[in-house]
N, C-alpha and C. Protein backbone atom coordinates (compact mmCIF):
# COMPACT_ATOMS: atom_id res chain seq x y z
N LEU A 1 -6.90 -11.24 -4.55
CA LEU A 1 -6.77 -9.89 -5.07
C LEU A 1 -8.05 -9.50 -5.80
N GLU A 2 -8.58 -10.41 -6.60
CA GLU A 2 -9.80 -10.09 -7.34
C GLU A 2 -10.97 -9.83 -6.39
N GLU A 3 -11.09 -10.62 -5.36
CA GLU A 3 -12.18 -10.43 -4.40
C GLU A 3 -12.10 -9.05 -3.75
N THR A 4 -10.89 -8.62 -3.46
CA THR A 4 -10.71 -7.30 -2.85
C THR A 4 -11.09 -6.19 -3.82
N VAL A 5 -10.61 -6.27 -5.06
CA VAL A 5 -10.93 -5.24 -6.06
C VAL A 5 -12.43 -5.23 -6.34
N ALA A 6 -13.05 -6.40 -6.43
CA ALA A 6 -14.50 -6.47 -6.65
C ALA A 6 -15.25 -5.81 -5.50
N GLY A 7 -14.80 -6.05 -4.29
CA GLY A 7 -15.44 -5.44 -3.12
C GLY A 7 -15.29 -3.93 -3.09
N VAL A 8 -14.13 -3.46 -3.49
CA VAL A 8 -13.88 -2.01 -3.56
C VAL A 8 -14.82 -1.38 -4.57
N ALA A 9 -14.94 -2.01 -5.73
CA ALA A 9 -15.84 -1.49 -6.78
C ALA A 9 -17.29 -1.54 -6.31
N ALA A 10 -17.69 -2.63 -5.67
CA ALA A 10 -19.07 -2.77 -5.19
C ALA A 10 -19.41 -1.73 -4.13
N ALA A 11 -18.39 -1.28 -3.40
CA ALA A 11 -18.61 -0.26 -2.37
C ALA A 11 -18.72 1.14 -2.95
N GLY A 12 -18.51 1.27 -4.27
CA GLY A 12 -18.69 2.56 -4.92
C GLY A 12 -17.43 3.35 -5.17
N ALA A 13 -16.28 2.75 -4.95
CA ALA A 13 -15.03 3.48 -5.21
C ALA A 13 -14.86 3.74 -6.70
N THR A 14 -14.16 4.79 -7.03
CA THR A 14 -13.85 5.09 -8.43
C THR A 14 -12.38 4.88 -8.73
N HIS A 15 -11.54 4.88 -7.71
CA HIS A 15 -10.10 4.70 -7.85
C HIS A 15 -9.63 3.67 -6.82
N ALA A 16 -8.54 3.02 -7.13
CA ALA A 16 -7.91 2.12 -6.17
C ALA A 16 -6.43 2.03 -6.49
N THR A 17 -5.67 1.70 -5.50
CA THR A 17 -4.24 1.49 -5.69
C THR A 17 -3.81 0.36 -4.77
N GLY A 18 -2.72 -0.25 -5.06
CA GLY A 18 -2.24 -1.33 -4.23
C GLY A 18 -0.74 -1.51 -4.40
N LEU A 19 -0.13 -2.10 -3.41
CA LEU A 19 1.30 -2.36 -3.47
C LEU A 19 1.63 -3.46 -2.49
N GLY A 20 2.80 -4.01 -2.65
CA GLY A 20 3.26 -5.05 -1.74
C GLY A 20 3.59 -4.46 -0.37
N LEU A 21 3.76 -5.33 0.59
CA LEU A 21 4.10 -4.87 1.93
C LEU A 21 5.44 -4.15 1.94
N HIS A 22 5.58 -3.20 2.83
CA HIS A 22 6.85 -2.54 3.10
C HIS A 22 7.23 -2.98 4.51
N LEU A 23 8.17 -3.89 4.60
CA LEU A 23 8.53 -4.50 5.88
C LEU A 23 9.85 -3.93 6.40
N ARG A 24 9.76 -2.79 7.03
CA ARG A 24 10.94 -2.16 7.62
C ARG A 24 11.42 -3.02 8.80
N PRO A 25 12.67 -2.81 9.21
CA PRO A 25 13.15 -3.51 10.40
C PRO A 25 12.21 -3.25 11.58
N GLY A 26 11.92 -4.28 12.30
CA GLY A 26 10.94 -4.21 13.38
C GLY A 26 9.61 -4.76 12.88
N ALA A 27 9.07 -4.14 11.87
CA ALA A 27 7.83 -4.63 11.26
C ALA A 27 8.09 -5.97 10.59
N ARG A 28 9.24 -6.08 9.95
CA ARG A 28 9.58 -7.33 9.26
C ARG A 28 9.63 -8.51 10.24
N GLU A 29 10.30 -8.30 11.37
CA GLU A 29 10.42 -9.37 12.35
C GLU A 29 9.06 -9.73 12.94
N TRP A 30 8.24 -8.71 13.23
CA TRP A 30 6.90 -8.95 13.77
C TRP A 30 6.07 -9.74 12.75
N TRP A 31 6.11 -9.29 11.49
CA TRP A 31 5.33 -9.94 10.43
C TRP A 31 5.74 -11.40 10.26
N MET A 32 7.03 -11.66 10.21
CA MET A 32 7.50 -13.03 10.00
C MET A 32 7.13 -13.92 11.19
N ALA A 33 7.20 -13.38 12.41
CA ALA A 33 6.80 -14.17 13.58
C ALA A 33 5.30 -14.49 13.52
N TRP A 34 4.50 -13.50 13.14
CA TRP A 34 3.06 -13.72 13.00
C TRP A 34 2.77 -14.75 11.91
N LEU A 35 3.46 -14.61 10.78
CA LEU A 35 3.26 -15.52 9.66
C LEU A 35 3.65 -16.95 10.05
N GLU A 36 4.75 -17.08 10.76
CA GLU A 36 5.21 -18.40 11.22
C GLU A 36 4.16 -19.05 12.12
N ARG A 37 3.55 -18.25 12.98
CA ARG A 37 2.54 -18.76 13.91
C ARG A 37 1.21 -19.06 13.22
N GLU A 38 0.77 -18.17 12.33
CA GLU A 38 -0.57 -18.27 11.75
C GLU A 38 -0.62 -19.00 10.40
N HIS A 39 0.42 -18.87 9.60
CA HIS A 39 0.44 -19.45 8.25
C HIS A 39 1.85 -19.96 7.92
N PRO A 40 2.32 -20.95 8.65
CA PRO A 40 3.71 -21.40 8.48
C PRO A 40 4.05 -21.86 7.06
N SER A 41 3.08 -22.32 6.32
CA SER A 41 3.37 -22.78 4.96
C SER A 41 3.77 -21.63 4.04
N LEU A 42 3.42 -20.39 4.41
CA LEU A 42 3.75 -19.23 3.57
C LEU A 42 5.12 -18.62 3.87
N VAL A 43 5.73 -19.03 4.98
CA VAL A 43 7.00 -18.42 5.40
C VAL A 43 8.09 -18.52 4.34
N PRO A 44 8.34 -19.69 3.75
CA PRO A 44 9.41 -19.75 2.74
C PRO A 44 9.17 -18.79 1.57
N ARG A 45 7.92 -18.67 1.14
CA ARG A 45 7.62 -17.76 0.02
C ARG A 45 7.92 -16.31 0.40
N TYR A 46 7.48 -15.89 1.58
CA TYR A 46 7.72 -14.50 1.99
C TYR A 46 9.20 -14.23 2.25
N ARG A 47 9.90 -15.21 2.78
CA ARG A 47 11.36 -15.02 2.96
C ARG A 47 12.03 -14.81 1.61
N ALA A 48 11.60 -15.56 0.61
CA ALA A 48 12.17 -15.40 -0.74
C ALA A 48 11.77 -14.06 -1.34
N LEU A 49 10.51 -13.68 -1.19
CA LEU A 49 10.04 -12.41 -1.76
C LEU A 49 10.75 -11.21 -1.14
N TYR A 50 11.05 -11.28 0.16
CA TYR A 50 11.64 -10.14 0.88
C TYR A 50 13.11 -10.39 1.23
N ARG A 51 13.77 -11.20 0.44
CA ARG A 51 15.17 -11.52 0.73
C ARG A 51 16.09 -10.32 0.60
N GLY A 52 15.68 -9.33 -0.17
CA GLY A 52 16.53 -8.16 -0.39
C GLY A 52 16.34 -7.04 0.60
N GLY A 53 15.41 -7.17 1.54
CA GLY A 53 15.22 -6.09 2.50
C GLY A 53 13.76 -5.80 2.78
N SER A 54 13.44 -4.52 2.80
CA SER A 54 12.11 -4.07 3.21
C SER A 54 11.04 -4.25 2.14
N TYR A 55 11.45 -4.32 0.89
CA TYR A 55 10.50 -4.41 -0.22
C TYR A 55 10.59 -5.78 -0.89
N ALA A 56 9.47 -6.22 -1.45
CA ALA A 56 9.47 -7.47 -2.22
C ALA A 56 10.38 -7.30 -3.43
N VAL A 57 10.85 -8.41 -3.96
CA VAL A 57 11.74 -8.37 -5.12
C VAL A 57 11.03 -7.69 -6.29
N PRO A 58 11.77 -7.01 -7.17
CA PRO A 58 11.17 -6.25 -8.27
C PRO A 58 10.24 -7.07 -9.17
N ALA A 59 10.58 -8.31 -9.45
CA ALA A 59 9.73 -9.13 -10.33
C ALA A 59 8.34 -9.32 -9.72
N TYR A 60 8.27 -9.52 -8.41
CA TYR A 60 6.98 -9.68 -7.75
C TYR A 60 6.19 -8.37 -7.78
N ARG A 61 6.86 -7.26 -7.50
CA ARG A 61 6.17 -5.97 -7.51
C ARG A 61 5.61 -5.67 -8.90
N LYS A 62 6.38 -6.00 -9.94
CA LYS A 62 5.93 -5.76 -11.31
C LYS A 62 4.71 -6.63 -11.63
N GLU A 63 4.75 -7.89 -11.25
CA GLU A 63 3.63 -8.81 -11.50
C GLU A 63 2.39 -8.38 -10.72
N LEU A 64 2.57 -7.97 -9.48
CA LEU A 64 1.45 -7.49 -8.68
C LEU A 64 0.80 -6.28 -9.34
N SER A 65 1.61 -5.36 -9.82
CA SER A 65 1.10 -4.16 -10.49
C SER A 65 0.33 -4.54 -11.76
N ARG A 66 0.88 -5.47 -12.54
CA ARG A 66 0.22 -5.91 -13.76
C ARG A 66 -1.15 -6.52 -13.45
N ARG A 67 -1.19 -7.42 -12.47
CA ARG A 67 -2.45 -8.06 -12.10
C ARG A 67 -3.46 -7.05 -11.57
N LEU A 68 -2.99 -6.13 -10.76
CA LEU A 68 -3.89 -5.13 -10.20
C LEU A 68 -4.48 -4.25 -11.29
N HIS A 69 -3.66 -3.77 -12.22
CA HIS A 69 -4.18 -2.92 -13.29
C HIS A 69 -5.18 -3.67 -14.17
N HIS A 70 -4.94 -4.94 -14.40
CA HIS A 70 -5.90 -5.76 -15.16
C HIS A 70 -7.25 -5.81 -14.43
N LEU A 71 -7.21 -6.03 -13.11
CA LEU A 71 -8.44 -6.10 -12.33
C LEU A 71 -9.13 -4.74 -12.23
N LEU A 72 -8.36 -3.68 -12.11
CA LEU A 72 -8.96 -2.35 -12.07
C LEU A 72 -9.73 -2.09 -13.36
N ASP A 73 -9.13 -2.45 -14.49
CA ASP A 73 -9.82 -2.30 -15.78
C ASP A 73 -11.10 -3.14 -15.81
N ARG A 74 -11.00 -4.38 -15.35
CA ARG A 74 -12.15 -5.28 -15.37
C ARG A 74 -13.32 -4.72 -14.57
N TYR A 75 -13.03 -4.08 -13.45
CA TYR A 75 -14.08 -3.59 -12.57
C TYR A 75 -14.36 -2.10 -12.73
N GLY A 76 -13.80 -1.50 -13.78
CA GLY A 76 -14.11 -0.11 -14.08
C GLY A 76 -13.54 0.90 -13.12
N LEU A 77 -12.44 0.56 -12.49
CA LEU A 77 -11.79 1.48 -11.56
C LEU A 77 -10.58 2.11 -12.22
N ARG A 78 -10.26 3.31 -11.79
CA ARG A 78 -9.04 3.95 -12.27
C ARG A 78 -7.95 3.77 -11.23
N SER A 79 -6.74 3.73 -11.69
CA SER A 79 -5.59 3.53 -10.82
C SER A 79 -5.26 4.81 -10.08
N GLY A 80 -4.70 4.62 -8.91
CA GLY A 80 -4.15 5.76 -8.19
C GLY A 80 -5.16 6.50 -7.37
N GLY A 81 -5.14 7.76 -7.53
CA GLY A 81 -5.97 8.59 -6.71
C GLY A 81 -5.17 9.73 -6.13
N HIS A 82 -3.90 9.82 -6.55
CA HIS A 82 -3.11 10.97 -6.10
C HIS A 82 -3.69 12.20 -6.77
N GLN A 83 -4.27 13.03 -6.00
CA GLN A 83 -4.88 14.24 -6.53
C GLN A 83 -4.20 15.45 -5.91
N GLU A 84 -4.14 16.47 -6.70
CA GLU A 84 -3.66 17.73 -6.16
C GLU A 84 -4.77 18.29 -5.28
N LEU A 85 -4.44 18.56 -4.04
CA LEU A 85 -5.42 19.15 -3.15
C LEU A 85 -5.44 20.65 -3.36
N PRO A 86 -6.59 21.26 -3.17
CA PRO A 86 -6.63 22.71 -3.33
C PRO A 86 -5.70 23.37 -2.33
N ALA A 87 -5.10 24.45 -2.76
CA ALA A 87 -4.18 25.18 -1.88
C ALA A 87 -4.95 25.67 -0.65
N ALA A 88 -4.32 25.55 0.48
CA ALA A 88 -4.94 26.04 1.71
C ALA A 88 -5.05 27.56 1.64
N ALA A 89 -6.11 28.06 2.21
CA ALA A 89 -6.27 29.52 2.25
C ALA A 89 -5.09 30.11 3.01
N SER A 90 -4.54 31.19 2.49
CA SER A 90 -3.39 31.77 3.17
C SER A 90 -3.83 32.43 4.47
N ARG A 91 -3.01 32.27 5.46
CA ARG A 91 -3.28 32.85 6.77
C ARG A 91 -2.23 33.91 7.04
N PRO A 92 -2.59 34.89 7.82
CA PRO A 92 -1.56 35.87 8.17
C PRO A 92 -0.50 35.19 9.03
N ALA A 93 0.71 35.68 8.95
CA ALA A 93 1.80 35.14 9.76
C ALA A 93 1.45 35.28 11.23
N PRO A 94 1.78 34.28 12.04
CA PRO A 94 1.46 34.39 13.47
C PRO A 94 2.28 35.50 14.12
N GLU A 95 1.70 36.11 15.12
CA GLU A 95 2.37 37.20 15.83
C GLU A 95 3.16 36.60 16.99
N GLN A 96 4.42 36.98 17.13
CA GLN A 96 5.24 36.53 18.26
C GLN A 96 4.88 37.36 19.48
N LEU A 97 4.40 36.70 20.49
CA LEU A 97 4.00 37.40 21.71
C LEU A 97 5.19 37.55 22.64
N SER A 98 5.17 38.59 23.44
CA SER A 98 6.24 38.86 24.40
C SER A 98 5.96 38.07 25.68
N LEU A 99 7.00 37.56 26.28
CA LEU A 99 6.86 36.86 27.56
C LEU A 99 6.87 37.83 28.73
N ILE A 100 7.27 39.06 28.49
CA ILE A 100 7.38 40.04 29.58
C ILE A 100 6.31 41.09 29.44
């Protein structure tokens, strides 16, 4: 995690955000099959983390958030990046054309 945050900061980012995987049905099965094939020693941990469904257990998500915010502070990054986008210029309503 630290290597990733350090790389983001070195690339010039000012904000960063992170979260655990969201393993919806379909994605979850694909991910677990890939993990079993590529990193079998991690399978028990991920099964435990995602035992409740698509999201990691709350304790893990909270710890991940805590660690990430600590690293963001260390590397001078701000959390998030959800910004209000400027309102789109209003366009006239489209004209319904006749088929006949």
